Amino acid sequence: MVFYFKAQAEAGDYTIFMGLDKYENEELIKYGFIKDIWFHVDKTSSAHVYLRLKKGQTIEDIRERFQV
């Protein structure tokens, strides 16, 4: 089962998907959007995280918000 979160941080509202093992990660890859931003969680075996961008949003919008 892939985990699904709605984050409402100071930086804005985001939808986050997370897999905990290789099977869940395969589901993320299968159903993820091309524009989803992919992360791998450090020190957690096989944890993939996808940040779903809103329509019209780009990674540059995220970088500005988080000052990356």
N, C-alpha and C. Protein backbone atom coordinates (compact mmCIF):
# COMPACT_ATOMS: atom_id res chain seq x y z
N MET A 1 0.84 -1.18 0.00
CA MET A 1 0.00 0.00 0.00
C MET A 1 0.89 1.24 0.00
N VAL A 2 0.70 2.10 -0.97
CA VAL A 2 1.46 3.35 -1.06
C VAL A 2 0.83 4.36 -0.12
N PHE A 3 1.67 5.06 0.63
CA PHE A 3 1.19 6.09 1.54
C PHE A 3 0.90 7.37 0.76
N TYR A 4 -0.10 8.10 1.19
CA TYR A 4 -0.53 9.33 0.53
C TYR A 4 -0.73 10.39 1.60
N PHE A 5 -0.14 11.55 1.41
CA PHE A 5 -0.23 12.62 2.39
C PHE A 5 -0.66 13.92 1.72
N LYS A 6 -1.34 14.76 2.47
CA LYS A 6 -1.60 16.14 2.06
C LYS A 6 -0.82 17.00 3.03
N ALA A 7 0.16 17.73 2.52
CA ALA A 7 0.98 18.58 3.37
C ALA A 7 0.52 20.02 3.27
N GLN A 8 0.38 20.66 4.39
CA GLN A 8 0.01 22.07 4.41
C GLN A 8 1.04 22.82 5.24
N ALA A 9 2.22 22.87 4.69
CA ALA A 9 3.33 23.54 5.38
C ALA A 9 3.29 25.03 5.05
N GLU A 10 4.17 25.78 5.69
CA GLU A 10 4.26 27.21 5.41
C GLU A 10 4.55 27.45 3.93
N ALA A 11 5.21 26.51 3.29
CA ALA A 11 5.59 26.68 1.88
C ALA A 11 4.43 26.46 0.93
N GLY A 12 3.32 25.90 1.40
CA GLY A 12 2.16 25.69 0.54
C GLY A 12 1.55 24.32 0.71
N ASP A 13 0.50 24.06 -0.06
CA ASP A 13 -0.21 22.78 -0.01
C ASP A 13 0.36 21.85 -1.07
N TYR A 14 0.74 20.66 -0.67
CA TYR A 14 1.32 19.69 -1.60
C TYR A 14 0.75 18.31 -1.34
N THR A 15 0.72 17.50 -2.39
CA THR A 15 0.34 16.10 -2.28
C THR A 15 1.62 15.28 -2.39
N ILE A 16 1.79 14.35 -1.46
CA ILE A 16 3.01 13.56 -1.36
C ILE A 16 2.64 12.08 -1.35
N PHE A 17 3.35 11.29 -2.14
CA PHE A 17 3.17 9.84 -2.19
C PHE A 17 4.47 9.19 -1.74
N MET A 18 4.36 8.08 -1.00
CA MET A 18 5.56 7.44 -0.46
C MET A 18 5.42 5.93 -0.49
N GLY A 19 6.45 5.25 -0.97
CA GLY A 19 6.51 3.79 -0.94
C GLY A 19 7.57 3.34 0.04
N LEU A 20 7.33 2.24 0.72
CA LEU A 20 8.27 1.78 1.74
C LEU A 20 9.12 0.59 1.30
N ASP A 21 8.77 -0.04 0.19
CA ASP A 21 9.56 -1.17 -0.26
C ASP A 21 9.55 -1.21 -1.78
N LYS A 22 10.25 -2.19 -2.36
CA LYS A 22 10.37 -2.22 -3.82
C LYS A 22 9.03 -2.42 -4.51
N TYR A 23 8.09 -3.10 -3.88
CA TYR A 23 6.78 -3.32 -4.50
C TYR A 23 5.96 -2.02 -4.54
N GLU A 24 5.97 -1.30 -3.44
CA GLU A 24 5.27 -0.02 -3.40
C GLU A 24 5.94 0.99 -4.33
N ASN A 25 7.26 0.95 -4.40
CA ASN A 25 7.98 1.85 -5.29
C ASN A 25 7.63 1.57 -6.75
N GLU A 26 7.42 0.31 -7.09
CA GLU A 26 7.00 -0.04 -8.45
C GLU A 26 5.64 0.57 -8.78
N GLU A 27 4.74 0.60 -7.78
CA GLU A 27 3.44 1.22 -7.98
C GLU A 27 3.59 2.73 -8.22
N LEU A 28 4.49 3.35 -7.47
CA LEU A 28 4.74 4.77 -7.67
C LEU A 28 5.25 5.04 -9.08
N ILE A 29 6.18 4.24 -9.52
CA ILE A 29 6.74 4.40 -10.87
C ILE A 29 5.65 4.19 -11.91
N LYS A 30 4.83 3.19 -11.71
CA LYS A 30 3.78 2.84 -12.66
C LYS A 30 2.73 3.94 -12.79
N TYR A 31 2.32 4.53 -11.68
CA TYR A 31 1.23 5.49 -11.69
C TYR A 31 1.65 6.94 -11.48
N GLY A 32 2.93 7.18 -11.32
CA GLY A 32 3.41 8.54 -11.13
C GLY A 32 3.30 9.36 -12.40
N PHE A 33 3.26 10.66 -12.23
CA PHE A 33 3.22 11.59 -13.36
C PHE A 33 4.64 11.95 -13.76
N ILE A 34 4.83 12.27 -15.01
CA ILE A 34 6.16 12.63 -15.51
C ILE A 34 6.72 13.83 -14.75
N LYS A 35 5.86 14.77 -14.37
CA LYS A 35 6.33 15.97 -13.69
C LYS A 35 6.44 15.82 -12.17
N ASP A 36 6.11 14.65 -11.62
CA ASP A 36 6.30 14.44 -10.17
C ASP A 36 7.78 14.59 -9.85
N ILE A 37 8.06 15.16 -8.68
CA ILE A 37 9.45 15.29 -8.23
C ILE A 37 9.75 14.10 -7.33
N TRP A 38 10.80 13.36 -7.65
CA TRP A 38 11.14 12.13 -6.96
C TRP A 38 12.28 12.37 -5.97
N PHE A 39 12.12 11.78 -4.77
CA PHE A 39 13.15 11.83 -3.73
C PHE A 39 13.38 10.41 -3.22
N HIS A 40 14.54 10.18 -2.66
CA HIS A 40 14.80 8.93 -1.94
C HIS A 40 15.15 9.32 -0.51
N VAL A 41 14.45 8.74 0.44
CA VAL A 41 14.66 9.08 1.85
C VAL A 41 15.96 8.46 2.35
N ASP A 42 16.78 9.28 2.95
CA ASP A 42 18.07 8.84 3.48
C ASP A 42 17.88 7.96 4.71
N LYS A 43 18.66 6.92 4.81
CA LYS A 43 18.70 6.02 5.97
C LYS A 43 17.41 5.22 6.15
N THR A 44 16.61 5.10 5.09
CA THR A 44 15.42 4.26 5.11
C THR A 44 15.45 3.39 3.87
N SER A 45 15.44 2.11 4.04
CA SER A 45 15.56 1.18 2.94
C SER A 45 14.42 1.35 1.93
N SER A 46 14.78 1.61 0.69
CA SER A 46 13.86 1.66 -0.45
C SER A 46 12.73 2.68 -0.34
N ALA A 47 12.85 3.70 0.45
CA ALA A 47 11.77 4.67 0.59
C ALA A 47 11.83 5.71 -0.53
N HIS A 48 10.87 5.65 -1.43
CA HIS A 48 10.74 6.63 -2.50
C HIS A 48 9.62 7.60 -2.14
N VAL A 49 9.82 8.86 -2.46
CA VAL A 49 8.83 9.89 -2.18
C VAL A 49 8.61 10.69 -3.46
N TYR A 50 7.36 10.90 -3.82
CA TYR A 50 7.00 11.72 -4.98
C TYR A 50 6.23 12.94 -4.49
N LEU A 51 6.66 14.09 -4.94
CA LEU A 51 5.94 15.33 -4.67
C LEU A 51 5.16 15.67 -5.93
N ARG A 52 3.85 15.73 -5.83
CA ARG A 52 2.99 16.00 -6.98
C ARG A 52 2.88 17.50 -7.19
N LEU A 53 3.32 17.97 -8.34
CA LEU A 53 3.20 19.38 -8.68
C LEU A 53 1.77 19.68 -9.10
N LYS A 54 1.34 20.89 -8.83
CA LYS A 54 0.02 21.33 -9.27
C LYS A 54 0.08 21.68 -10.74
N LYS A 55 -1.05 21.69 -11.39
CA LYS A 55 -1.12 22.01 -12.81
C LYS A 55 -0.47 23.38 -13.06
N GLY A 56 0.45 23.41 -14.01
CA GLY A 56 1.14 24.65 -14.36
C GLY A 56 2.36 24.94 -13.51
N GLN A 57 2.59 24.17 -12.48
CA GLN A 57 3.72 24.37 -11.58
C GLN A 57 4.95 23.65 -12.13
N THR A 58 6.13 24.19 -11.87
CA THR A 58 7.38 23.55 -12.28
C THR A 58 8.28 23.39 -11.06
N ILE A 59 9.38 22.67 -11.25
CA ILE A 59 10.34 22.49 -10.16
C ILE A 59 10.93 23.83 -9.74
N GLU A 60 10.99 24.77 -10.65
CA GLU A 60 11.51 26.10 -10.31
C GLU A 60 10.62 26.78 -9.26
N ASP A 61 9.32 26.55 -9.33
CA ASP A 61 8.41 27.12 -8.33
C ASP A 61 8.71 26.54 -6.95
N ILE A 62 9.03 25.26 -6.90
CA ILE A 62 9.36 24.61 -5.63
C ILE A 62 10.69 25.16 -5.10
N ARG A 63 11.66 25.29 -5.98
CA ARG A 63 12.96 25.81 -5.56
C ARG A 63 12.84 27.20 -4.95
N GLU A 64 12.03 28.04 -5.56
CA GLU A 64 11.83 29.39 -5.03
C GLU A 64 11.22 29.36 -3.65
N ARG A 65 10.23 28.49 -3.46
CA ARG A 65 9.54 28.40 -2.17
C ARG A 65 10.45 27.90 -1.07
N PHE A 66 11.26 26.89 -1.38
CA PHE A 66 12.10 26.28 -0.37
C PHE A 66 13.52 26.82 -0.39
N GLN A 67 13.80 27.76 -1.27
CA GLN A 67 15.11 28.37 -1.42
C GLN A 67 16.20 27.32 -1.56
N VAL A 68 15.98 26.37 -2.50
CA VAL A 68 16.95 25.29 -2.76
C VAL A 68 17.99 25.77 -3.72
